[in-house]
């Protein structure tokens, strides 16, 4: 029997809600490389966060939410497949080997994933 936390029904529910969390992120641009990254602006535990240099507005959150929804829709089957099994390096395998979405980001820590 599959535990509810890894069931297809539960994972589908999570995928439907995960993109709403994009409102908790802001955009930061590295001044030397001009590479954009997205960082949490709301902490999990309520501690104050350093928001210096962050762009946090409706355009950023809307764009990020749209990108999230597009990826979740296009790769829904792969996401559910990977998340329904306990496995090592899920984020790396999903991110580069199945989707080719983020090869450049494999060396950057993604604590949220």
PDB file of N, CA and C in Angstrom:
ATOM      1  N   UNK A   1       0.846  -1.186   0.000  1.00  0.00           N
ATOM      2  CA  UNK A   1       0.000   0.000   0.000  1.00  0.00           C
ATOM      3  C   UNK A   1       0.890   1.248   0.000  1.00  0.00           C
ATOM      4  N   UNK A   2       0.505   2.243  -0.777  1.00  0.00           N
ATOM      5  CA  UNK A   2       1.259   3.488  -0.905  1.00  0.00           C
ATOM      6  C   UNK A   2       0.842   4.448   0.211  1.00  0.00           C
ATOM      7  N   UNK A   3       1.824   4.988   0.958  1.00  0.00           N
ATOM      8  CA  UNK A   3       1.455   5.980   1.979  1.00  0.00           C
ATOM      9  C   UNK A   3       0.815   7.197   1.315  1.00  0.00           C
ATOM     10  N   UNK A   4      -0.150   7.818   2.002  1.00  0.00           N
ATOM     11  CA  UNK A   4      -0.862   8.963   1.427  1.00  0.00           C
ATOM     12  C   UNK A   4       0.101  10.053   0.968  1.00  0.00           C
ATOM     13  N   UNK A   5       1.154  10.316   1.749  1.00  0.00           N
ATOM     14  CA  UNK A   5       2.094  11.391   1.412  1.00  0.00           C
ATOM     15  C   UNK A   5       2.733  11.190   0.045  1.00  0.00           C
ATOM     16  N   UNK A   6       2.854   9.959  -0.406  1.00  0.00           N
ATOM     17  CA  UNK A   6       3.452   9.686  -1.712  1.00  0.00           C
ATOM     18  C   UNK A   6       2.429   9.181  -2.727  1.00  0.00           C
ATOM     19  N   UNK A   7       1.166   9.288  -2.388  1.00  0.00           N
ATOM     20  CA  UNK A   7       0.121   8.815  -3.303  1.00  0.00           C
ATOM     21  C   UNK A   7      -0.066   9.803  -4.449  1.00  0.00           C
ATOM     22  N   UNK A   8      -0.541   9.298  -5.561  1.00  0.00           N
ATOM     23  CA  UNK A   8      -0.769  10.158  -6.726  1.00  0.00           C
ATOM     24  C   UNK A   8      -1.779  11.252  -6.408  1.00  0.00           C
ATOM     25  N   UNK A   9      -2.815  10.919  -5.649  1.00  0.00           N
ATOM     26  CA  UNK A   9      -3.838  11.914  -5.291  1.00  0.00           C
ATOM     27  C   UNK A   9      -3.229  13.055  -4.477  1.00  0.00           C
ATOM     28  N   UNK A  10      -2.423  12.717  -3.488  1.00  0.00           N
ATOM     29  CA  UNK A  10      -1.808  13.744  -2.644  1.00  0.00           C
ATOM     30  C   UNK A  10      -0.813  14.586  -3.445  1.00  0.00           C
ATOM     31  N   UNK A  11       0.012  13.943  -4.249  1.00  0.00           N
ATOM     32  CA  UNK A  11       1.001  14.674  -5.041  1.00  0.00           C
ATOM     33  C   UNK A  11       0.329  15.581  -6.067  1.00  0.00           C
ATOM     34  N   UNK A  12      -0.777  15.150  -6.634  1.00  0.00           N
ATOM     35  CA  UNK A  12      -1.524  15.994  -7.570  1.00  0.00           C
ATOM     36  C   UNK A  12      -2.062  17.225  -6.849  1.00  0.00           C
ATOM     37  N   UNK A  13      -2.581  17.041  -5.643  1.00  0.00           N
ATOM     38  CA  UNK A  13      -3.048  18.178  -4.834  1.00  0.00           C
ATOM     39  C   UNK A  13      -1.910  19.155  -4.565  1.00  0.00           C
ATOM     40  N   UNK A  14      -0.750  18.624  -4.203  1.00  0.00           N
ATOM     41  CA  UNK A  14       0.401  19.488  -3.926  1.00  0.00           C
ATOM     42  C   UNK A  14       0.817  20.277  -5.161  1.00  0.00           C
ATOM     43  N   UNK A  15       0.845  19.618  -6.312  1.00  0.00           N
ATOM     44  CA  UNK A  15       1.216  20.309  -7.548  1.00  0.00           C
ATOM     45  C   UNK A  15       0.247  21.438  -7.863  1.00  0.00           C
ATOM     46  N   UNK A  16      -1.016  21.241  -7.522  1.00  0.00           N
ATOM     47  CA  UNK A  16      -2.006  22.280  -7.786  1.00  0.00           C
ATOM     48  C   UNK A  16      -1.802  23.490  -6.878  1.00  0.00           C
ATOM     49  N   UNK A  17      -1.183  23.289  -5.713  1.00  0.00           N
ATOM     50  CA  UNK A  17      -1.010  24.385  -4.749  1.00  0.00           C
ATOM     51  C   UNK A  17       0.395  24.974  -4.706  1.00  0.00           C
ATOM     52  N   UNK A  18       1.382  24.248  -5.190  1.00  0.00           N
ATOM     53  CA  UNK A  18       2.770  24.673  -5.007  1.00  0.00           C
ATOM     54  C   UNK A  18       3.059  26.024  -5.661  1.00  0.00           C
ATOM     55  N   UNK A  19       2.470  26.305  -6.779  1.00  0.00           N
ATOM     56  CA  UNK A  19       2.771  27.552  -7.485  1.00  0.00           C
ATOM     57  C   UNK A  19       2.244  28.776  -6.747  1.00  0.00           C
ATOM     58  N   UNK A  20       1.271  28.588  -5.870  1.00  0.00           N
ATOM     59  CA  UNK A  20       0.801  29.698  -5.030  1.00  0.00           C
ATOM     60  C   UNK A  20       1.916  30.196  -4.115  1.00  0.00           C
ATOM     61  N   UNK A  21       2.855  29.329  -3.787  1.00  0.00           N
ATOM     62  CA  UNK A  21       3.972  29.685  -2.900  1.00  0.00           C
ATOM     63  C   UNK A  21       4.951  30.653  -3.571  1.00  0.00           C
ATOM     64  N   UNK A  22       4.827  30.862  -4.867  1.00  0.00           N
ATOM     65  CA  UNK A  22       5.754  31.746  -5.566  1.00  0.00           C
ATOM     66  C   UNK A  22       5.641  33.186  -5.080  1.00  0.00           C
ATOM     67  N   UNK A  23       4.535  33.529  -4.426  1.00  0.00           N
ATOM     68  CA  UNK A  23       4.391  34.881  -3.880  1.00  0.00           C
ATOM     69  C   UNK A  23       5.334  35.108  -2.702  1.00  0.00           C
ATOM     70  N   UNK A  24       5.978  34.051  -2.222  1.00  0.00           N
ATOM     71  CA  UNK A  24       6.923  34.147  -1.116  1.00  0.00           C
ATOM     72  C   UNK A  24       8.357  34.332  -1.596  1.00  0.00           C
ATOM     73  N   UNK A  25       8.536  34.598  -2.887  1.00  0.00           N
ATOM     74  CA  UNK A  25       9.870  34.730  -3.464  1.00  0.00           C
ATOM     75  C   UNK A  25      10.036  36.080  -4.145  1.00  0.00           C
ATOM     76  N   UNK A  26      11.262  36.551  -4.149  1.00  0.00           N
ATOM     77  CA  UNK A  26      11.613  37.775  -4.843  1.00  0.00           C
ATOM     78  C   UNK A  26      12.770  37.496  -5.785  1.00  0.00           C
ATOM     79  N   UNK A  27      13.034  38.444  -6.649  1.00  0.00           N
ATOM     80  CA  UNK A  27      14.082  38.290  -7.654  1.00  0.00           C
ATOM     81  C   UNK A  27      15.326  39.048  -7.224  1.00  0.00           C
ATOM     82  N   UNK A  28      16.455  38.391  -7.349  1.00  0.00           N
ATOM     83  CA  UNK A  28      17.733  39.023  -7.025  1.00  0.00           C
ATOM     84  C   UNK A  28      18.645  38.845  -8.231  1.00  0.00           C
ATOM     85  N   UNK A  29      19.312  39.918  -8.624  1.00  0.00           N
ATOM     86  CA  UNK A  29      20.226  39.864  -9.756  1.00  0.00           C
ATOM     87  C   UNK A  29      21.646  40.020  -9.248  1.00  0.00           C
ATOM     88  N   UNK A  30      22.499  39.079  -9.620  1.00  0.00           N
ATOM     89  CA  UNK A  30      23.908  39.143  -9.234  1.00  0.00           C
ATOM     90  C   UNK A  30      24.548  40.302  -9.990  1.00  0.00           C
ATOM     91  N   UNK A  31      25.148  41.266  -9.276  1.00  0.00           N
ATOM     92  CA  UNK A  31      25.700  42.441  -9.955  1.00  0.00           C
ATOM     93  C   UNK A  31      26.857  42.126 -10.901  1.00  0.00           C
ATOM     94  N   UNK A  32      27.609  41.069 -10.650  1.00  0.00           N
ATOM     95  CA  UNK A  32      28.750  40.776 -11.517  1.00  0.00           C
ATOM     96  C   UNK A  32      28.375  39.925 -12.729  1.00  0.00           C
ATOM     97  N   UNK A  33      27.465  38.977 -12.562  1.00  0.00           N
ATOM     98  CA  UNK A  33      27.101  38.099 -13.679  1.00  0.00           C
ATOM     99  C   UNK A  33      25.774  38.477 -14.327  1.00  0.00           C
ATOM    100  N   UNK A  34      24.989  39.287 -13.638  1.00  0.00           N
ATOM    101  CA  UNK A  34      23.648  39.682 -14.079  1.00  0.00           C
ATOM    102  C   UNK A  34      22.689  38.491 -14.159  1.00  0.00           C
ATOM    103  N   UNK A  35      23.080  37.378 -13.527  1.00  0.00           N
ATOM    104  CA  UNK A  35      22.203  36.203 -13.486  1.00  0.00           C
ATOM    105  C   UNK A  35      21.131  36.422 -12.427  1.00  0.00           C
ATOM    106  N   UNK A  36      19.890  36.134 -12.807  1.00  0.00           N
ATOM    107  CA  UNK A  36      18.771  36.284 -11.878  1.00  0.00           C
ATOM    108  C   UNK A  36      18.608  35.008 -11.062  1.00  0.00           C
ATOM    109  N   UNK A  37      18.227  35.189  -9.818  1.00  0.00           N
ATOM    110  CA  UNK A  37      17.864  34.053  -8.973  1.00  0.00           C
ATOM    111  C   UNK A  37      16.649  34.460  -8.160  1.00  0.00           C
ATOM    112  N   UNK A  38      15.997  33.484  -7.616  1.00  0.00           N
ATOM    113  CA  UNK A  38      14.785  33.738  -6.845  1.00  0.00           C
ATOM    114  C   UNK A  38      14.992  33.217  -5.433  1.00  0.00           C
ATOM    115  N   UNK A  39      14.735  34.085  -4.471  1.00  0.00           N
ATOM    116  CA  UNK A  39      14.969  33.742  -3.073  1.00  0.00           C
ATOM    117  C   UNK A  39      13.718  34.032  -2.255  1.00  0.00           C
ATOM    118  N   UNK A  40      13.579  33.268  -1.182  1.00  0.00           N
ATOM    119  CA  UNK A  40      12.431  33.458  -0.298  1.00  0.00           C
ATOM    120  C   UNK A  40      12.475  34.844   0.322  1.00  0.00           C
ATOM    121  N   UNK A  41      11.331  35.475   0.426  1.00  0.00           N
ATOM    122  CA  UNK A  41      11.220  36.759   1.124  1.00  0.00           C
ATOM    123  C   UNK A  41      10.449  36.587   2.428  1.00  0.00           C
ATOM    124  N   UNK A  42       9.869  35.417   2.612  1.00  0.00           N
ATOM    125  CA  UNK A  42       9.132  35.101   3.833  1.00  0.00           C
ATOM    126  C   UNK A  42       9.753  33.836   4.418  1.00  0.00           C
ATOM    127  N   UNK A  43      10.264  33.931   5.637  1.00  0.00           N
ATOM    128  CA  UNK A  43      10.916  32.772   6.243  1.00  0.00           C
ATOM    129  C   UNK A  43       9.884  31.755   6.714  1.00  0.00           C
ATOM    130  N   UNK A  44      10.343  30.528   6.848  1.00  0.00           N
ATOM    131  CA  UNK A  44       9.462  29.463   7.343  1.00  0.00           C
ATOM    132  C   UNK A  44       9.099  29.679   8.803  1.00  0.00           C
ATOM    133  N   UNK A  45      10.035  30.234   9.569  1.00  0.00           N
ATOM    134  CA  UNK A  45       9.820  30.346  11.015  1.00  0.00           C
ATOM    135  C   UNK A  45       9.538  31.764  11.496  1.00  0.00           C
ATOM    136  N   UNK A  46       9.385  32.701  10.585  1.00  0.00           N
ATOM    137  CA  UNK A  46       9.034  34.062  10.970  1.00  0.00           C
ATOM    138  C   UNK A  46      10.209  34.967  11.291  1.00  0.00           C
ATOM    139  N   UNK A  47      11.445  34.465  11.170  1.00  0.00           N
ATOM    140  CA  UNK A  47      12.600  35.314  11.439  1.00  0.00           C
ATOM    141  C   UNK A  47      12.764  36.329  10.317  1.00  0.00           C
ATOM    142  N   UNK A  48      13.345  37.466  10.676  1.00  0.00           N
ATOM    143  CA  UNK A  48      13.547  38.533   9.704  1.00  0.00           C
ATOM    144  C   UNK A  48      14.565  38.092   8.655  1.00  0.00           C
ATOM    145  N   UNK A  49      14.304  38.449   7.419  1.00  0.00           N
ATOM    146  CA  UNK A  49      15.196  38.061   6.328  1.00  0.00           C
ATOM    147  C   UNK A  49      15.825  39.300   5.707  1.00  0.00           C
ATOM    148  N   UNK A  50      17.011  39.115   5.140  1.00  0.00           N
ATOM    149  CA  UNK A  50      17.698  40.199   4.451  1.00  0.00           C
ATOM    150  C   UNK A  50      17.083  40.347   3.060  1.00  0.00           C
ATOM    151  N   UNK A  51      16.394  41.449   2.848  1.00  0.00           N
ATOM    152  CA  UNK A  51      15.718  41.674   1.571  1.00  0.00           C
ATOM    153  C   UNK A  51      16.448  42.690   0.696  1.00  0.00           C
ATOM    154  N   UNK A  52      17.672  43.039   1.075  1.00  0.00           N
ATOM    155  CA  UNK A  52      18.409  44.036   0.301  1.00  0.00           C
ATOM    156  C   UNK A  52      18.707  43.501  -1.100  1.00  0.00           C
ATOM    157  N   UNK A  53      18.512  44.355  -2.067  1.00  0.00           N
ATOM    158  CA  UNK A  53      18.781  44.000  -3.449  1.00  0.00           C
ATOM    159  C   UNK A  53      17.722  43.126  -4.098  1.00  0.00           C
ATOM    160  N   UNK A  54      16.624  42.917  -3.407  1.00  0.00           N
ATOM    161  CA  UNK A  54      15.561  42.079  -3.961  1.00  0.00           C
ATOM    162  C   UNK A  54      14.505  42.912  -4.665  1.00  0.00           C
ATOM    163  N   UNK A  55      14.039  42.395  -5.768  1.00  0.00           N
ATOM    164  CA  UNK A  55      12.897  42.984  -6.453  1.00  0.00           C
ATOM    165  C   UNK A  55      11.707  42.104  -6.097  1.00  0.00           C
ATOM    166  N   UNK A  56      10.724  42.713  -5.475  1.00  0.00           N
ATOM    167  CA  UNK A  56       9.566  41.946  -5.014  1.00  0.00           C
ATOM    168  C   UNK A  56       8.320  42.741  -5.360  1.00  0.00           C
ATOM    169  N   UNK A  57       7.698  42.380  -6.464  1.00  0.00           N
ATOM    170  CA  UNK A  57       6.483  43.075  -6.870  1.00  0.00           C
ATOM    171  C   UNK A  57       5.579  42.120  -7.641  1.00  0.00           C
ATOM    172  N   UNK A  58       4.450  42.626  -8.057  1.00  0.00           N
ATOM    173  CA  UNK A  58       3.466  41.803  -8.752  1.00  0.00           C
ATOM    174  C   UNK A  58       3.979  41.197 -10.042  1.00  0.00           C
ATOM    175  N   UNK A  59       4.817  41.947 -10.775  1.00  0.00           N
ATOM    176  CA  UNK A  59       5.351  41.419 -12.028  1.00  0.00           C
ATOM    177  C   UNK A  59       6.241  40.207 -11.783  1.00  0.00           C
ATOM    178  N   UNK A  60       7.103  40.310 -10.773  1.00  0.00           N
ATOM    179  CA  UNK A  60       8.010  39.204 -10.453  1.00  0.00           C
ATOM    180  C   UNK A  60       7.222  37.980 -10.017  1.00  0.00           C
ATOM    181  N   UNK A  61       6.314  38.163  -9.075  1.00  0.00           N
ATOM    182  CA  UNK A  61       5.575  37.006  -8.563  1.00  0.00           C
ATOM    183  C   UNK A  61       4.652  36.413  -9.627  1.00  0.00           C
ATOM    184  N   UNK A  62       4.068  37.251 -10.470  1.00  0.00           N
ATOM    185  CA  UNK A  62       3.212  36.735 -11.549  1.00  0.00           C
ATOM    186  C   UNK A  62       4.022  35.922 -12.548  1.00  0.00           C
ATOM    187  N   UNK A  63       5.187  36.433 -12.927  1.00  0.00           N
ATOM    188  CA  UNK A  63       6.048  35.716 -13.877  1.00  0.00           C
ATOM    189  C   UNK A  63       6.520  34.391 -13.300  1.00  0.00           C
ATOM    190  N   UNK A  64       6.915  34.419 -12.042  1.00  0.00           N
ATOM    191  CA  UNK A  64       7.396  33.207 -11.390  1.00  0.00           C
ATOM    192  C   UNK A  64       6.273  32.179 -11.249  1.00  0.00           C
ATOM    193  N   UNK A  65       5.098  32.635 -10.886  1.00  0.00           N
ATOM    194  CA  UNK A  65       3.946  31.734 -10.749  1.00  0.00           C
ATOM    195  C   UNK A  65       3.580  31.128 -12.105  1.00  0.00           C
ATOM    196  N   UNK A  66       3.602  31.941 -13.156  1.00  0.00           N
ATOM    197  CA  UNK A  66       3.288  31.439 -14.494  1.00  0.00           C
ATOM    198  C   UNK A  66       4.308  30.384 -14.926  1.00  0.00           C
ATOM    199  N   UNK A  67       5.601  30.648 -14.679  1.00  0.00           N
ATOM    200  CA  UNK A  67       6.643  29.676 -15.029  1.00  0.00           C
ATOM    201  C   UNK A  67       6.439  28.377 -14.257  1.00  0.00           C
ATOM    202  N   UNK A  68       6.130  28.487 -12.983  1.00  0.00           N
ATOM    203  CA  UNK A  68       5.872  27.315 -12.142  1.00  0.00           C
ATOM    204  C   UNK A  68       4.700  26.506 -12.692  1.00  0.00           C
ATOM    205  N   UNK A  69       3.614  27.178 -13.010  1.00  0.00           N
ATOM    206  CA  UNK A  69       2.428  26.491 -13.534  1.00  0.00           C
ATOM    207  C   UNK A  69       2.718  25.808 -14.870  1.00  0.00           C
ATOM    208  N   UNK A  70       3.502  26.467 -15.717  1.00  0.00           N
ATOM    209  CA  UNK A  70       3.846  25.884 -17.017  1.00  0.00           C
ATOM    210  C   UNK A  70       4.675  24.615 -16.842  1.00  0.00           C
ATOM    211  N   UNK A  71       5.670  24.677 -15.957  1.00  0.00           N
ATOM    212  CA  UNK A  71       6.521  23.508 -15.701  1.00  0.00           C
ATOM    213  C   UNK A  71       5.712  22.394 -15.053  1.00  0.00           C
ATOM    214  N   UNK A  72       4.897  22.742 -14.061  1.00  0.00           N
ATOM    215  CA  UNK A  72       4.089  21.733 -13.364  1.00  0.00           C
ATOM    216  C   UNK A  72       3.132  21.039 -14.332  1.00  0.00           C
ATOM    217  N   UNK A  73       2.571  21.796 -15.258  1.00  0.00           N
ATOM    218  CA  UNK A  73       1.640  21.207 -16.226  1.00  0.00           C
ATOM    219  C   UNK A  73       2.374  20.329 -17.235  1.00  0.00           C
ATOM    220  N   UNK A  74       3.470  20.847 -17.774  1.00  0.00           N
ATOM    221  CA  UNK A  74       4.195  20.110 -18.808  1.00  0.00           C
ATOM    222  C   UNK A  74       4.846  18.835 -18.271  1.00  0.00           C
ATOM    223  N   UNK A  75       5.330  18.890 -17.031  1.00  0.00           N
ATOM    224  CA  UNK A  75       6.067  17.759 -16.460  1.00  0.00           C
ATOM    225  C   UNK A  75       5.326  17.083 -15.307  1.00  0.00           C
ATOM    226  N   UNK A  76       4.009  17.197 -15.287  1.00  0.00           N
ATOM    227  CA  UNK A  76       3.224  16.636 -14.180  1.00  0.00           C
ATOM    228  C   UNK A  76       3.501  15.149 -13.974  1.00  0.00           C
ATOM    229  N   UNK A  77       3.505  14.376 -15.042  1.00  0.00           N
ATOM    230  CA  UNK A  77       3.724  12.932 -14.908  1.00  0.00           C
ATOM    231  C   UNK A  77       5.105  12.626 -14.332  1.00  0.00           C
ATOM    232  N   UNK A  78       6.133  13.323 -14.827  1.00  0.00           N
ATOM    233  CA  UNK A  78       7.489  13.105 -14.326  1.00  0.00           C
ATOM    234  C   UNK A  78       7.607  13.503 -12.859  1.00  0.00           C
ATOM    235  N   UNK A  79       7.009  14.634 -12.496  1.00  0.00           N
ATOM    236  CA  UNK A  79       7.056  15.087 -11.106  1.00  0.00           C
ATOM    237  C   UNK A  79       6.407  14.067 -10.180  1.00  0.00           C
ATOM    238  N   UNK A  80       5.238  13.599 -10.543  1.00  0.00           N
ATOM    239  CA  UNK A  80       4.535  12.617  -9.709  1.00  0.00           C
ATOM    240  C   UNK A  80       5.326  11.316  -9.639  1.00  0.00           C
ATOM    241  N   UNK A  81       5.886  10.900 -10.765  1.00  0.00           N
ATOM    242  CA  UNK A  81       6.681   9.668 -10.783  1.00  0.00           C
ATOM    243  C   UNK A  81       7.865   9.768  -9.824  1.00  0.00           C
ATOM    244  N   UNK A  82       8.613  10.853  -9.899  1.00  0.00           N
ATOM    245  CA  UNK A  82       9.793  11.008  -9.054  1.00  0.00           C
ATOM    246  C   UNK A  82       9.429  11.180  -7.586  1.00  0.00           C
ATOM    247  N   UNK A  83       8.413  11.956  -7.300  1.00  0.00           N
ATOM    248  CA  UNK A  83       8.066  12.246  -5.911  1.00  0.00           C
ATOM    249  C   UNK A  83       7.339  11.092  -5.229  1.00  0.00           C
ATOM    250  N   UNK A  84       6.799  10.171  -5.996  1.00  0.00           N
ATOM    251  CA  UNK A  84       6.074   9.052  -5.389  1.00  0.00           C
ATOM    252  C   UNK A  84       7.010   7.961  -4.875  1.00  0.00           C
ATOM    253  N   UNK A  85       8.284   8.045  -5.220  1.00  0.00           N
ATOM    254  CA  UNK A  85       9.264   7.061  -4.765  1.00  0.00           C
ATOM    255  C   UNK A  85      10.358   7.754  -3.966  1.00  0.00           C
ATOM    256  N   UNK A  86      10.800   7.110  -2.917  1.00  0.00           N
ATOM    257  CA  UNK A  86      11.954   7.643  -2.202  1.00  0.00           C
ATOM    258  C   UNK A  86      13.170   7.333  -3.056  1.00  0.00           C
ATOM    259  N   UNK A  87      13.945   8.347  -3.346  1.00  0.00           N
ATOM    260  CA  UNK A  87      15.119   8.135  -4.180  1.00  0.00           C
ATOM    261  C   UNK A  87      16.174   9.176  -3.838  1.00  0.00           C
ATOM    262  N   UNK A  88      17.397   8.840  -4.152  1.00  0.00           N
ATOM    263  CA  UNK A  88      18.506   9.762  -3.949  1.00  0.00           C
ATOM    264  C   UNK A  88      18.518  10.782  -5.087  1.00  0.00           C
ATOM    265  N   UNK A  89      18.904  11.989  -4.787  1.00  0.00           N
ATOM    266  CA  UNK A  89      19.118  13.035  -5.796  1.00  0.00           C
ATOM    267  C   UNK A  89      17.914  13.270  -6.705  1.00  0.00           C
ATOM    268  N   UNK A  90      16.727  13.276  -6.138  1.00  0.00           N
ATOM    269  CA  UNK A  90      15.519  13.482  -6.945  1.00  0.00           C
ATOM    270  C   UNK A  90      15.591  14.793  -7.697  1.00  0.00           C
ATOM    271  N   UNK A  91      15.970  15.876  -6.998  1.00  0.00           N
ATOM    272  CA  UNK A  91      15.989  17.175  -7.671  1.00  0.00           C
ATOM    273  C   UNK A  91      16.962  17.186  -8.837  1.00  0.00           C
ATOM    274  N   UNK A  92      18.150  16.578  -8.665  1.00  0.00           N
ATOM    275  CA  UNK A  92      19.128  16.565  -9.748  1.00  0.00           C
ATOM    276  C   UNK A  92      18.648  15.705 -10.913  1.00  0.00           C
ATOM    277  N   UNK A  93      18.107  14.548 -10.612  1.00  0.00           N
ATOM    278  CA  UNK A  93      17.643  13.653 -11.671  1.00  0.00           C
ATOM    279  C   UNK A  93      16.481  14.267 -12.435  1.00  0.00           C
ATOM    280  N   UNK A  94      15.551  14.848 -11.733  1.00  0.00           N
ATOM    281  CA  UNK A  94      14.396  15.459 -12.388  1.00  0.00           C
ATOM    282  C   UNK A  94      14.811  16.698 -13.163  1.00  0.00           C
ATOM    283  N   UNK A  95      15.634  17.505 -12.538  1.00  0.00           N
ATOM    284  CA  UNK A  95      16.002  18.796 -13.105  1.00  0.00           C
ATOM    285  C   UNK A  95      16.827  18.661 -14.383  1.00  0.00           C
ATOM    286  N   UNK A  96      17.760  17.720 -14.424  1.00  0.00           N
ATOM    287  CA  UNK A  96      18.638  17.657 -15.586  1.00  0.00           C
ATOM    288  C   UNK A  96      18.425  16.438 -16.468  1.00  0.00           C
ATOM    289  N   UNK A  97      18.207  15.299 -15.873  1.00  0.00           N
ATOM    290  CA  UNK A  97      18.144  14.088 -16.680  1.00  0.00           C
ATOM    291  C   UNK A  97      16.793  13.874 -17.354  1.00  0.00           C
ATOM    292  N   UNK A  98      15.723  14.366 -16.764  1.00  0.00           N
ATOM    293  CA  UNK A  98      14.403  14.161 -17.352  1.00  0.00           C
ATOM    294  C   UNK A  98      13.862  15.388 -18.068  1.00  0.00           C
ATOM    295  N   UNK A  99      14.255  16.590 -17.636  1.00  0.00           N
ATOM    296  CA  UNK A  99      13.640  17.780 -18.206  1.00  0.00           C
ATOM    297  C   UNK A  99      14.614  18.705 -18.916  1.00  0.00           C
ATOM    298  N   UNK A 100      15.894  18.639 -18.609  1.00  0.00           N
ATOM    299  CA  UNK A 100      16.896  19.562 -19.165  1.00  0.00           C
ATOM    300  C   UNK A 100      16.557  21.018 -18.882  1.00  0.00           C
ATOM    301  N   UNK A 101      15.836  21.275 -17.798  1.00  0.00           N
ATOM    302  CA  UNK A 101      15.438  22.642 -17.477  1.00  0.00           C
ATOM    303  C   UNK A 101      16.528  23.434 -16.776  1.00  0.00           C
ATOM    304  N   UNK A 102      17.408  22.757 -16.074  1.00  0.00           N
ATOM    305  CA  UNK A 102      18.300  23.538 -15.214  1.00  0.00           C
ATOM    306  C   UNK A 102      19.669  22.911 -15.016  1.00  0.00           C
ATOM    307  N   UNK A 103      20.314  22.468 -16.067  1.00  0.00           N
ATOM    308  CA  UNK A 103      21.662  21.923 -15.943  1.00  0.00           C
ATOM    309  C   UNK A 103      22.611  22.902 -15.269  1.00  0.00           C
ATOM    310  N   UNK A 104      22.474  24.185 -15.585  1.00  0.00           N
ATOM    311  CA  UNK A 104      23.362  25.202 -15.023  1.00  0.00           C
ATOM    312  C   UNK A 104      23.186  25.362 -13.521  1.00  0.00           C
ATOM    313  N   UNK A 105      22.063  24.951 -12.984  1.00  0.00           N
ATOM    314  CA  UNK A 105      21.758  25.185 -11.572  1.00  0.00           C
ATOM    315  C   UNK A 105      22.095  24.009 -10.666  1.00  0.00           C
ATOM    316  N   UNK A 106      22.656  22.951 -11.210  1.00  0.00           N
ATOM    317  CA  UNK A 106      22.894  21.769 -10.386  1.00  0.00           C
ATOM    318  C   UNK A 106      23.914  22.002  -9.279  1.00  0.00           C
ATOM    319  N   UNK A 107      24.758  22.984  -9.433  1.00  0.00           N
ATOM    320  CA  UNK A 107      25.786  23.231  -8.427  1.00  0.00           C
ATOM    321  C   UNK A 107      25.373  24.297  -7.426  1.00  0.00           C
ATOM    322  N   UNK A 108      24.147  24.773  -7.530  1.00  0.00           N
ATOM    323  CA  UNK A 108      23.615  25.771  -6.606  1.00  0.00           C
ATOM    324  C   UNK A 108      22.704  25.053  -5.623  1.00  0.00           C
ATOM    325  N   UNK A 109      22.870  25.284  -4.302  1.00  0.00           N
ATOM    326  CA  UNK A 109      21.993  24.598  -3.351  1.00  0.00           C
ATOM    327  C   UNK A 109      20.541  25.028  -3.510  1.00  0.00           C
ATOM    328  N   UNK A 110      19.635  24.065  -3.483  1.00  0.00           N
ATOM    329  CA  UNK A 110      18.198  24.321  -3.592  1.00  0.00           C
ATOM    330  C   UNK A 110      17.524  23.714  -2.377  1.00  0.00           C
ATOM    331  N   UNK A 111      17.605  24.385  -1.264  1.00  0.00           N
ATOM    332  CA  UNK A 111      17.066  23.842  -0.025  1.00  0.00           C
ATOM    333  C   UNK A 111      15.560  23.677  -0.070  1.00  0.00           C
ATOM    334  N   UNK A 112      14.886  24.397  -0.943  1.00  0.00           N
ATOM    335  CA  UNK A 112      13.428  24.349  -0.993  1.00  0.00           C
ATOM    336  C   UNK A 112      12.911  23.101  -1.677  1.00  0.00           C
ATOM    337  N   UNK A 113      13.744  22.459  -2.485  1.00  0.00           N
ATOM    338  CA  UNK A 113      13.275  21.304  -3.260  1.00  0.00           C
ATOM    339  C   UNK A 113      13.249  20.057  -2.428  1.00  0.00           C
TER     340      UNK A 113
END
